[in-house]
């Protein structure tokens, strides 16, 4: 990863590319955690029955941070150009395509 792409646009594009799919997966995982909690509650299982648990505040904060990472790349940079010489949203579209 560090040695293969040349310095400049290729390196910036590859490093930016991991942000969007990673944030999307993290949002889905946190929402899935709430689905599992809801189903466990319907079955009458408590959190004390679970081997691992997370505070609700932490899960909600994780959802908000990753929603921010999903929404903010769509806003254009102040100067109209990001850290690459081509369209700033190319990595977003590529991440969605993957």
PDB file of N, CA and C in Angstrom:
ATOM      1  N   UNK A   1       0.824  -1.196   0.000  1.00  0.00           N
ATOM      2  CA  UNK A   1       0.000   0.000   0.000  1.00  0.00           C
ATOM      3  C   UNK A   1       0.865   1.255   0.000  1.00  0.00           C
ATOM      4  N   UNK A   2       1.931   1.236   0.757  1.00  0.00           N
ATOM      5  CA  UNK A   2       2.770   2.431   0.845  1.00  0.00           C
ATOM      6  C   UNK A   2       3.739   2.507  -0.339  1.00  0.00           C
ATOM      7  N   UNK A   3       4.240   1.377  -0.785  1.00  0.00           N
ATOM      8  CA  UNK A   3       5.258   1.381  -1.831  1.00  0.00           C
ATOM      9  C   UNK A   3       4.693   1.329  -3.245  1.00  0.00           C
ATOM     10  N   UNK A   4       3.526   0.744  -3.436  1.00  0.00           N
ATOM     11  CA  UNK A   4       3.017   0.509  -4.787  1.00  0.00           C
ATOM     12  C   UNK A   4       2.555   1.777  -5.503  1.00  0.00           C
ATOM     13  N   UNK A   5       1.591   2.551  -4.977  1.00  0.00           N
ATOM     14  CA  UNK A   5       1.143   3.717  -5.749  1.00  0.00           C
ATOM     15  C   UNK A   5       2.168   4.848  -5.707  1.00  0.00           C
ATOM     16  N   UNK A   6       2.287   5.581  -6.799  1.00  0.00           N
ATOM     17  CA  UNK A   6       3.206   6.717  -6.793  1.00  0.00           C
ATOM     18  C   UNK A   6       2.669   7.839  -5.907  1.00  0.00           C
ATOM     19  N   UNK A   7       3.562   8.697  -5.477  1.00  0.00           N
ATOM     20  CA  UNK A   7       3.153   9.830  -4.644  1.00  0.00           C
ATOM     21  C   UNK A   7       2.231  10.742  -5.447  1.00  0.00           C
ATOM     22  N   UNK A   8       1.300  11.338  -4.775  1.00  0.00           N
ATOM     23  CA  UNK A   8       0.388  12.259  -5.447  1.00  0.00           C
ATOM     24  C   UNK A   8      -1.017  11.722  -5.519  1.00  0.00           C
ATOM     25  N   UNK A   9      -1.635  11.876  -6.691  1.00  0.00           N
ATOM     26  CA  UNK A   9      -3.054  11.541  -6.861  1.00  0.00           C
ATOM     27  C   UNK A   9      -3.373  10.079  -6.583  1.00  0.00           C
ATOM     28  N   UNK A  10      -2.539   9.171  -7.063  1.00  0.00           N
ATOM     29  CA  UNK A  10      -2.838   7.746  -6.889  1.00  0.00           C
ATOM     30  C   UNK A  10      -2.847   7.371  -5.414  1.00  0.00           C
ATOM     31  N   UNK A  11      -1.857   7.833  -4.662  1.00  0.00           N
ATOM     32  CA  UNK A  11      -1.800   7.506  -3.236  1.00  0.00           C
ATOM     33  C   UNK A  11      -2.980   8.124  -2.493  1.00  0.00           C
ATOM     34  N   UNK A  12      -3.281   9.390  -2.760  1.00  0.00           N
ATOM     35  CA  UNK A  12      -4.408  10.054  -2.103  1.00  0.00           C
ATOM     36  C   UNK A  12      -5.729   9.368  -2.440  1.00  0.00           C
ATOM     37  N   UNK A  13      -5.898   8.961  -3.677  1.00  0.00           N
ATOM     38  CA  UNK A  13      -7.123   8.284  -4.082  1.00  0.00           C
ATOM     39  C   UNK A  13      -7.282   6.954  -3.365  1.00  0.00           C
ATOM     40  N   UNK A  14      -6.228   6.163  -3.300  1.00  0.00           N
ATOM     41  CA  UNK A  14      -6.304   4.851  -2.659  1.00  0.00           C
ATOM     42  C   UNK A  14      -6.580   4.993  -1.172  1.00  0.00           C
ATOM     43  N   UNK A  15      -5.954   5.955  -0.508  1.00  0.00           N
ATOM     44  CA  UNK A  15      -6.200   6.132   0.923  1.00  0.00           C
ATOM     45  C   UNK A  15      -7.589   6.695   1.185  1.00  0.00           C
ATOM     46  N   UNK A  16      -8.083   7.582   0.326  1.00  0.00           N
ATOM     47  CA  UNK A  16      -9.445   8.108   0.485  1.00  0.00           C
ATOM     48  C   UNK A  16     -10.498   7.043   0.205  1.00  0.00           C
ATOM     49  N   UNK A  17     -10.166   6.105  -0.639  1.00  0.00           N
ATOM     50  CA  UNK A  17     -11.127   5.091  -1.078  1.00  0.00           C
ATOM     51  C   UNK A  17     -11.642   4.229   0.067  1.00  0.00           C
ATOM     52  N   UNK A  18     -10.843   3.988   1.081  1.00  0.00           N
ATOM     53  CA  UNK A  18     -11.275   3.111   2.166  1.00  0.00           C
ATOM     54  C   UNK A  18     -12.280   3.776   3.099  1.00  0.00           C
ATOM     55  N   UNK A  19     -12.408   5.092   3.094  1.00  0.00           N
ATOM     56  CA  UNK A  19     -13.263   5.800   4.060  1.00  0.00           C
ATOM     57  C   UNK A  19     -14.737   5.487   3.846  1.00  0.00           C
ATOM     58  N   UNK A  20     -15.241   5.616   2.651  1.00  0.00           N
ATOM     59  CA  UNK A  20     -16.677   5.496   2.408  1.00  0.00           C
ATOM     60  C   UNK A  20     -17.206   4.082   2.652  1.00  0.00           C
ATOM     61  N   UNK A  21     -16.610   3.031   2.068  1.00  0.00           N
ATOM     62  CA  UNK A  21     -17.123   1.684   2.361  1.00  0.00           C
ATOM     63  C   UNK A  21     -16.979   1.288   3.830  1.00  0.00           C
ATOM     64  N   UNK A  22     -15.916   1.739   4.480  1.00  0.00           N
ATOM     65  CA  UNK A  22     -15.716   1.427   5.894  1.00  0.00           C
ATOM     66  C   UNK A  22     -16.795   2.080   6.756  1.00  0.00           C
ATOM     67  N   UNK A  23     -17.117   3.337   6.483  1.00  0.00           N
ATOM     68  CA  UNK A  23     -18.160   4.022   7.236  1.00  0.00           C
ATOM     69  C   UNK A  23     -19.523   3.387   6.984  1.00  0.00           C
ATOM     70  N   UNK A  24     -19.782   2.992   5.748  1.00  0.00           N
ATOM     71  CA  UNK A  24     -21.048   2.341   5.417  1.00  0.00           C
ATOM     72  C   UNK A  24     -21.197   1.025   6.179  1.00  0.00           C
ATOM     73  N   UNK A  25     -20.130   0.228   6.211  1.00  0.00           N
ATOM     74  CA  UNK A  25     -20.166  -1.035   6.939  1.00  0.00           C
ATOM     75  C   UNK A  25     -20.353  -0.801   8.438  1.00  0.00           C
ATOM     76  N   UNK A  26     -19.706   0.214   8.988  1.00  0.00           N
ATOM     77  CA  UNK A  26     -19.828   0.501  10.421  1.00  0.00           C
ATOM     78  C   UNK A  26     -21.242   0.930  10.801  1.00  0.00           C
ATOM     79  N   UNK A  27     -21.901   1.710   9.942  1.00  0.00           N
ATOM     80  CA  UNK A  27     -23.292   2.096  10.205  1.00  0.00           C
ATOM     81  C   UNK A  27     -24.183   0.862  10.173  1.00  0.00           C
ATOM     82  N   UNK A  28     -24.005   0.023   9.171  1.00  0.00           N
ATOM     83  CA  UNK A  28     -24.818  -1.196   9.094  1.00  0.00           C
ATOM     84  C   UNK A  28     -24.580  -2.105  10.297  1.00  0.00           C
ATOM     85  N   UNK A  29     -23.354  -2.200  10.757  1.00  0.00           N
ATOM     86  CA  UNK A  29     -23.049  -3.049  11.901  1.00  0.00           C
ATOM     87  C   UNK A  29     -23.688  -2.501  13.179  1.00  0.00           C
ATOM     88  N   UNK A  30     -23.652  -1.191  13.387  1.00  0.00           N
ATOM     89  CA  UNK A  30     -24.254  -0.604  14.582  1.00  0.00           C
ATOM     90  C   UNK A  30     -25.776  -0.724  14.557  1.00  0.00           C
ATOM     91  N   UNK A  31     -26.379  -0.516  13.397  1.00  0.00           N
ATOM     92  CA  UNK A  31     -27.829  -0.687  13.288  1.00  0.00           C
ATOM     93  C   UNK A  31     -28.187  -2.161  13.493  1.00  0.00           C
ATOM     94  N   UNK A  32     -27.369  -3.054  12.976  1.00  0.00           N
ATOM     95  CA  UNK A  32     -27.586  -4.482  13.192  1.00  0.00           C
ATOM     96  C   UNK A  32     -27.496  -4.857  14.656  1.00  0.00           C
ATOM     97  N   UNK A  33     -26.634  -4.182  15.398  1.00  0.00           N
ATOM     98  CA  UNK A  33     -26.543  -4.421  16.836  1.00  0.00           C
ATOM     99  C   UNK A  33     -27.868  -4.101  17.521  1.00  0.00           C
ATOM    100  N   UNK A  34     -28.500  -3.011  17.112  1.00  0.00           N
ATOM    101  CA  UNK A  34     -29.801  -2.676  17.687  1.00  0.00           C
ATOM    102  C   UNK A  34     -30.881  -3.667  17.268  1.00  0.00           C
ATOM    103  N   UNK A  35     -30.800  -4.199  16.066  1.00  0.00           N
ATOM    104  CA  UNK A  35     -31.762  -5.220  15.634  1.00  0.00           C
ATOM    105  C   UNK A  35     -31.608  -6.475  16.497  1.00  0.00           C
ATOM    106  N   UNK A  36     -30.369  -6.869  16.740  1.00  0.00           N
ATOM    107  CA  UNK A  36     -30.124  -8.041  17.591  1.00  0.00           C
ATOM    108  C   UNK A  36     -30.626  -7.782  19.007  1.00  0.00           C
ATOM    109  N   UNK A  37     -30.381  -6.595  19.530  1.00  0.00           N
ATOM    110  CA  UNK A  37     -30.863  -6.265  20.878  1.00  0.00           C
ATOM    111  C   UNK A  37     -32.383  -6.303  20.947  1.00  0.00           C
ATOM    112  N   UNK A  38     -33.032  -5.790  19.922  1.00  0.00           N
ATOM    113  CA  UNK A  38     -34.494  -5.795  19.891  1.00  0.00           C
ATOM    114  C   UNK A  38     -35.025  -7.230  19.867  1.00  0.00           C
ATOM    115  N   UNK A  39     -34.416  -8.080  19.055  1.00  0.00           N
ATOM    116  CA  UNK A  39     -34.866  -9.474  18.965  1.00  0.00           C
ATOM    117  C   UNK A  39     -34.598 -10.233  20.265  1.00  0.00           C
ATOM    118  N   UNK A  40     -33.464  -9.958  20.910  1.00  0.00           N
ATOM    119  CA  UNK A  40     -33.172 -10.605  22.191  1.00  0.00           C
ATOM    120  C   UNK A  40     -34.172 -10.160  23.257  1.00  0.00           C
ATOM    121  N   UNK A  41     -34.545  -8.896  23.205  1.00  0.00           N
ATOM    122  CA  UNK A  41     -35.518  -8.387  24.177  1.00  0.00           C
ATOM    123  C   UNK A  41     -36.880  -9.048  23.978  1.00  0.00           C
ATOM    124  N   UNK A  42     -37.275  -9.250  22.721  1.00  0.00           N
ATOM    125  CA  UNK A  42     -38.546  -9.924  22.430  1.00  0.00           C
ATOM    126  C   UNK A  42     -38.542 -11.370  22.899  1.00  0.00           C
ATOM    127  N   UNK A  43     -37.364 -11.999  22.921  1.00  0.00           N
ATOM    128  CA  UNK A  43     -37.245 -13.372  23.396  1.00  0.00           C
ATOM    129  C   UNK A  43     -37.132 -13.466  24.913  1.00  0.00           C
ATOM    130  N   UNK A  44     -37.057 -12.328  25.568  1.00  0.00           N
ATOM    131  CA  UNK A  44     -36.980 -12.313  27.024  1.00  0.00           C
ATOM    132  C   UNK A  44     -35.572 -12.443  27.573  1.00  0.00           C
ATOM    133  N   UNK A  45     -34.561 -12.282  26.726  1.00  0.00           N
ATOM    134  CA  UNK A  45     -33.176 -12.346  27.176  1.00  0.00           C
ATOM    135  C   UNK A  45     -32.712 -10.952  27.587  1.00  0.00           C
ATOM    136  N   UNK A  46     -31.975 -10.870  28.655  1.00  0.00           N
ATOM    137  CA  UNK A  46     -31.476  -9.574  29.117  1.00  0.00           C
ATOM    138  C   UNK A  46     -30.031  -9.390  28.675  1.00  0.00           C
ATOM    139  N   UNK A  47     -29.518  -8.211  28.918  1.00  0.00           N
ATOM    140  CA  UNK A  47     -28.119  -7.939  28.574  1.00  0.00           C
ATOM    141  C   UNK A  47     -27.173  -8.733  29.464  1.00  0.00           C
ATOM    142  N   UNK A  48     -27.618  -9.072  30.638  1.00  0.00           N
ATOM    143  CA  UNK A  48     -26.764  -9.838  31.546  1.00  0.00           C
ATOM    144  C   UNK A  48     -26.528 -11.251  31.008  1.00  0.00           C
ATOM    145  N   UNK A  49     -27.414 -11.708  30.121  1.00  0.00           N
ATOM    146  CA  UNK A  49     -27.238 -13.027  29.513  1.00  0.00           C
ATOM    147  C   UNK A  49     -26.171 -13.011  28.423  1.00  0.00           C
ATOM    148  N   UNK A  50     -25.839 -11.832  27.930  1.00  0.00           N
ATOM    149  CA  UNK A  50     -24.873 -11.719  26.837  1.00  0.00           C
ATOM    150  C   UNK A  50     -23.447 -11.737  27.389  1.00  0.00           C
ATOM    151  N   UNK A  51     -22.550 -12.316  26.626  1.00  0.00           N
ATOM    152  CA  UNK A  51     -21.154 -12.376  27.047  1.00  0.00           C
ATOM    153  C   UNK A  51     -20.461 -11.028  26.823  1.00  0.00           C
ATOM    154  N   UNK A  52     -20.804 -10.335  25.739  1.00  0.00           N
ATOM    155  CA  UNK A  52     -20.243  -9.030  25.434  1.00  0.00           C
ATOM    156  C   UNK A  52     -21.373  -8.024  25.306  1.00  0.00           C
ATOM    157  N   UNK A  53     -21.106  -6.772  25.643  1.00  0.00           N
ATOM    158  CA  UNK A  53     -22.117  -5.734  25.498  1.00  0.00           C
ATOM    159  C   UNK A  53     -21.434  -4.386  25.284  1.00  0.00           C
ATOM    160  N   UNK A  54     -22.192  -3.428  24.767  1.00  0.00           N
ATOM    161  CA  UNK A  54     -21.695  -2.062  24.552  1.00  0.00           C
ATOM    162  C   UNK A  54     -22.751  -1.093  25.053  1.00  0.00           C
ATOM    163  N   UNK A  55     -22.295   0.023  25.575  1.00  0.00           N
ATOM    164  CA  UNK A  55     -23.224   1.053  26.049  1.00  0.00           C
ATOM    165  C   UNK A  55     -23.970   1.648  24.869  1.00  0.00           C
ATOM    166  N   UNK A  56     -25.223   1.997  25.086  1.00  0.00           N
ATOM    167  CA  UNK A  56     -26.029   2.598  24.026  1.00  0.00           C
ATOM    168  C   UNK A  56     -25.439   3.917  23.547  1.00  0.00           C
ATOM    169  N   UNK A  57     -24.896   4.695  24.466  1.00  0.00           N
ATOM    170  CA  UNK A  57     -24.320   5.994  24.103  1.00  0.00           C
ATOM    171  C   UNK A  57     -23.166   5.812  23.119  1.00  0.00           C
ATOM    172  N   UNK A  58     -22.358   4.809  23.344  1.00  0.00           N
ATOM    173  CA  UNK A  58     -21.214   4.562  22.458  1.00  0.00           C
ATOM    174  C   UNK A  58     -21.681   4.115  21.084  1.00  0.00           C
ATOM    175  N   UNK A  59     -22.699   3.269  21.039  1.00  0.00           N
ATOM    176  CA  UNK A  59     -23.209   2.780  19.754  1.00  0.00           C
ATOM    177  C   UNK A  59     -23.852   3.930  18.968  1.00  0.00           C
ATOM    178  N   UNK A  60     -24.628   4.766  19.638  1.00  0.00           N
ATOM    179  CA  UNK A  60     -25.268   5.908  18.969  1.00  0.00           C
ATOM    180  C   UNK A  60     -24.205   6.895  18.488  1.00  0.00           C
ATOM    181  N   UNK A  61     -23.180   7.143  19.293  1.00  0.00           N
ATOM    182  CA  UNK A  61     -22.095   8.026  18.876  1.00  0.00           C
ATOM    183  C   UNK A  61     -21.393   7.460  17.640  1.00  0.00           C
ATOM    184  N   UNK A  62     -21.177   6.154  17.631  1.00  0.00           N
ATOM    185  CA  UNK A  62     -20.568   5.499  16.470  1.00  0.00           C
ATOM    186  C   UNK A  62     -21.433   5.682  15.227  1.00  0.00           C
ATOM    187  N   UNK A  63     -22.737   5.557  15.370  1.00  0.00           N
ATOM    188  CA  UNK A  63     -23.640   5.756  14.227  1.00  0.00           C
ATOM    189  C   UNK A  63     -23.536   7.188  13.710  1.00  0.00           C
ATOM    190  N   UNK A  64     -23.547   8.169  14.608  1.00  0.00           N
ATOM    191  CA  UNK A  64     -23.478   9.570  14.181  1.00  0.00           C
ATOM    192  C   UNK A  64     -22.143   9.906  13.513  1.00  0.00           C
ATOM    193  N   UNK A  65     -21.049   9.402  14.051  1.00  0.00           N
ATOM    194  CA  UNK A  65     -19.740   9.670  13.455  1.00  0.00           C
ATOM    195  C   UNK A  65     -19.671   9.085  12.045  1.00  0.00           C
ATOM    196  N   UNK A  66     -20.145   7.867  11.884  1.00  0.00           N
ATOM    197  CA  UNK A  66     -20.068   7.240  10.569  1.00  0.00           C
ATOM    198  C   UNK A  66     -21.083   7.822   9.590  1.00  0.00           C
ATOM    199  N   UNK A  67     -22.231   8.295  10.070  1.00  0.00           N
ATOM    200  CA  UNK A  67     -23.151   9.020   9.185  1.00  0.00           C
ATOM    201  C   UNK A  67     -22.510  10.315   8.704  1.00  0.00           C
ATOM    202  N   UNK A  68     -21.762  10.970   9.585  1.00  0.00           N
ATOM    203  CA  UNK A  68     -21.023  12.169   9.199  1.00  0.00           C
ATOM    204  C   UNK A  68     -20.021  11.825   8.088  1.00  0.00           C
ATOM    205  N   UNK A  69     -19.326  10.697   8.244  1.00  0.00           N
ATOM    206  CA  UNK A  69     -18.354  10.283   7.230  1.00  0.00           C
ATOM    207  C   UNK A  69     -19.018   9.876   5.919  1.00  0.00           C
ATOM    208  N   UNK A  70     -20.290   9.513   5.957  1.00  0.00           N
ATOM    209  CA  UNK A  70     -21.017   9.176   4.732  1.00  0.00           C
ATOM    210  C   UNK A  70     -21.571  10.406   4.021  1.00  0.00           C
ATOM    211  N   UNK A  71     -21.930  11.436   4.784  1.00  0.00           N
ATOM    212  CA  UNK A  71     -22.578  12.616   4.202  1.00  0.00           C
ATOM    213  C   UNK A  71     -21.571  13.685   3.780  1.00  0.00           C
ATOM    214  N   UNK A  72     -20.588  13.958   4.608  1.00  0.00           N
ATOM    215  CA  UNK A  72     -19.695  15.090   4.351  1.00  0.00           C
ATOM    216  C   UNK A  72     -18.859  14.997   3.069  1.00  0.00           C
ATOM    217  N   UNK A  73     -18.451  13.833   2.607  1.00  0.00           N
ATOM    218  CA  UNK A  73     -17.684  13.824   1.347  1.00  0.00           C
ATOM    219  C   UNK A  73     -18.460  14.349   0.146  1.00  0.00           C
ATOM    220  N   UNK A  74     -19.781  14.391   0.227  1.00  0.00           N
ATOM    221  CA  UNK A  74     -20.575  14.892  -0.898  1.00  0.00           C
ATOM    222  C   UNK A  74     -20.551  16.410  -1.003  1.00  0.00           C
ATOM    223  N   UNK A  75     -20.180  17.106   0.082  1.00  0.00           N
ATOM    224  CA  UNK A  75     -20.070  18.562   0.038  1.00  0.00           C
ATOM    225  C   UNK A  75     -18.742  18.943  -0.596  1.00  0.00           C
ATOM    226  N   UNK A  76     -18.772  19.853  -1.572  1.00  0.00           N
ATOM    227  CA  UNK A  76     -17.516  20.212  -2.257  1.00  0.00           C
ATOM    228  C   UNK A  76     -16.576  20.977  -1.325  1.00  0.00           C
ATOM    229  N   UNK A  77     -15.274  20.820  -1.521  1.00  0.00           N
ATOM    230  CA  UNK A  77     -14.297  21.579  -0.736  1.00  0.00           C
ATOM    231  C   UNK A  77     -14.417  23.071  -1.025  1.00  0.00           C
ATOM    232  N   UNK A  78     -13.870  23.887  -0.137  1.00  0.00           N
ATOM    233  CA  UNK A  78     -13.986  25.348  -0.285  1.00  0.00           C
ATOM    234  C   UNK A  78     -13.405  25.860  -1.597  1.00  0.00           C
ATOM    235  N   UNK A  79     -12.267  25.360  -1.974  1.00  0.00           N
ATOM    236  CA  UNK A  79     -11.622  25.828  -3.203  1.00  0.00           C
ATOM    237  C   UNK A  79     -12.122  25.085  -4.435  1.00  0.00           C
ATOM    238  N   UNK A  80     -13.046  24.146  -4.248  1.00  0.00           N
ATOM    239  CA  UNK A  80     -13.598  23.400  -5.364  1.00  0.00           C
ATOM    240  C   UNK A  80     -12.783  22.194  -5.768  1.00  0.00           C
ATOM    241  N   UNK A  81     -11.641  22.009  -5.136  1.00  0.00           N
ATOM    242  CA  UNK A  81     -10.758  20.892  -5.476  1.00  0.00           C
ATOM    243  C   UNK A  81     -10.286  20.238  -4.186  1.00  0.00           C
ATOM    244  N   UNK A  82     -10.348  18.928  -4.140  1.00  0.00           N
ATOM    245  CA  UNK A  82      -9.894  18.196  -2.962  1.00  0.00           C
ATOM    246  C   UNK A  82      -8.387  17.983  -2.991  1.00  0.00           C
ATOM    247  N   UNK A  83      -7.951  16.861  -2.456  1.00  0.00           N
ATOM    248  CA  UNK A  83      -6.516  16.579  -2.411  1.00  0.00           C
ATOM    249  C   UNK A  83      -6.015  15.856  -3.662  1.00  0.00           C
ATOM    250  N   UNK A  84      -6.864  15.755  -4.683  1.00  0.00           N
ATOM    251  CA  UNK A  84      -6.477  15.155  -5.958  1.00  0.00           C
ATOM    252  C   UNK A  84      -6.754  16.141  -7.077  1.00  0.00           C
ATOM    253  N   UNK A  85      -6.162  15.907  -8.248  1.00  0.00           N
ATOM    254  CA  UNK A  85      -6.322  16.856  -9.358  1.00  0.00           C
ATOM    255  C   UNK A  85      -7.595  16.610 -10.159  1.00  0.00           C
ATOM    256  N   UNK A  86      -8.296  15.495  -9.905  1.00  0.00           N
ATOM    257  CA  UNK A  86      -9.553  15.225 -10.597  1.00  0.00           C
ATOM    258  C   UNK A  86     -10.712  15.476  -9.644  1.00  0.00           C
ATOM    259  N   UNK A  87     -11.939  15.129 -10.050  1.00  0.00           N
ATOM    260  CA  UNK A  87     -13.136  15.414  -9.273  1.00  0.00           C
ATOM    261  C   UNK A  87     -13.002  14.859  -7.860  1.00  0.00           C
ATOM    262  N   UNK A  88     -13.315  15.678  -6.861  1.00  0.00           N
ATOM    263  CA  UNK A  88     -13.131  15.310  -5.455  1.00  0.00           C
ATOM    264  C   UNK A  88     -13.990  14.120  -5.030  1.00  0.00           C
ATOM    265  N   UNK A  89     -15.091  13.832  -5.722  1.00  0.00           N
ATOM    266  CA  UNK A  89     -15.988  12.756  -5.330  1.00  0.00           C
ATOM    267  C   UNK A  89     -15.762  11.439  -6.038  1.00  0.00           C
ATOM    268  N   UNK A  90     -14.668  11.322  -6.764  1.00  0.00           N
ATOM    269  CA  UNK A  90     -14.404  10.088  -7.499  1.00  0.00           C
ATOM    270  C   UNK A  90     -14.277   8.889  -6.566  1.00  0.00           C
ATOM    271  N   UNK A  91     -13.644   9.079  -5.422  1.00  0.00           N
ATOM    272  CA  UNK A  91     -13.468   7.956  -4.507  1.00  0.00           C
ATOM    273  C   UNK A  91     -14.804   7.535  -3.881  1.00  0.00           C
ATOM    274  N   UNK A  92     -15.740   8.471  -3.741  1.00  0.00           N
ATOM    275  CA  UNK A  92     -17.063   8.135  -3.204  1.00  0.00           C
ATOM    276  C   UNK A  92     -17.802   7.247  -4.180  1.00  0.00           C
ATOM    277  N   UNK A  93     -17.827   7.657  -5.422  1.00  0.00           N
ATOM    278  CA  UNK A  93     -18.530   6.893  -6.454  1.00  0.00           C
ATOM    279  C   UNK A  93     -17.884   5.513  -6.626  1.00  0.00           C
ATOM    280  N   UNK A  94     -16.554   5.468  -6.588  1.00  0.00           N
ATOM    281  CA  UNK A  94     -15.860   4.187  -6.686  1.00  0.00           C
ATOM    282  C   UNK A  94     -16.179   3.297  -5.492  1.00  0.00           C
ATOM    283  N   UNK A  95     -16.229   3.878  -4.301  1.00  0.00           N
ATOM    284  CA  UNK A  95     -16.569   3.117  -3.098  1.00  0.00           C
ATOM    285  C   UNK A  95     -17.977   2.568  -3.142  1.00  0.00           C
ATOM    286  N   UNK A  96     -18.911   3.336  -3.668  1.00  0.00           N
ATOM    287  CA  UNK A  96     -20.279   2.855  -3.820  1.00  0.00           C
ATOM    288  C   UNK A  96     -20.323   1.728  -4.856  1.00  0.00           C
ATOM    289  N   UNK A  97     -19.554   1.877  -5.916  1.00  0.00           N
ATOM    290  CA  UNK A  97     -19.510   0.844  -6.947  1.00  0.00           C
ATOM    291  C   UNK A  97     -18.937  -0.473  -6.453  1.00  0.00           C
ATOM    292  N   UNK A  98     -18.054  -0.379  -5.501  1.00  0.00           N
ATOM    293  CA  UNK A  98     -17.470  -1.615  -4.955  1.00  0.00           C
ATOM    294  C   UNK A  98     -18.477  -2.311  -4.077  1.00  0.00           C
TER     295      UNK A  98
END
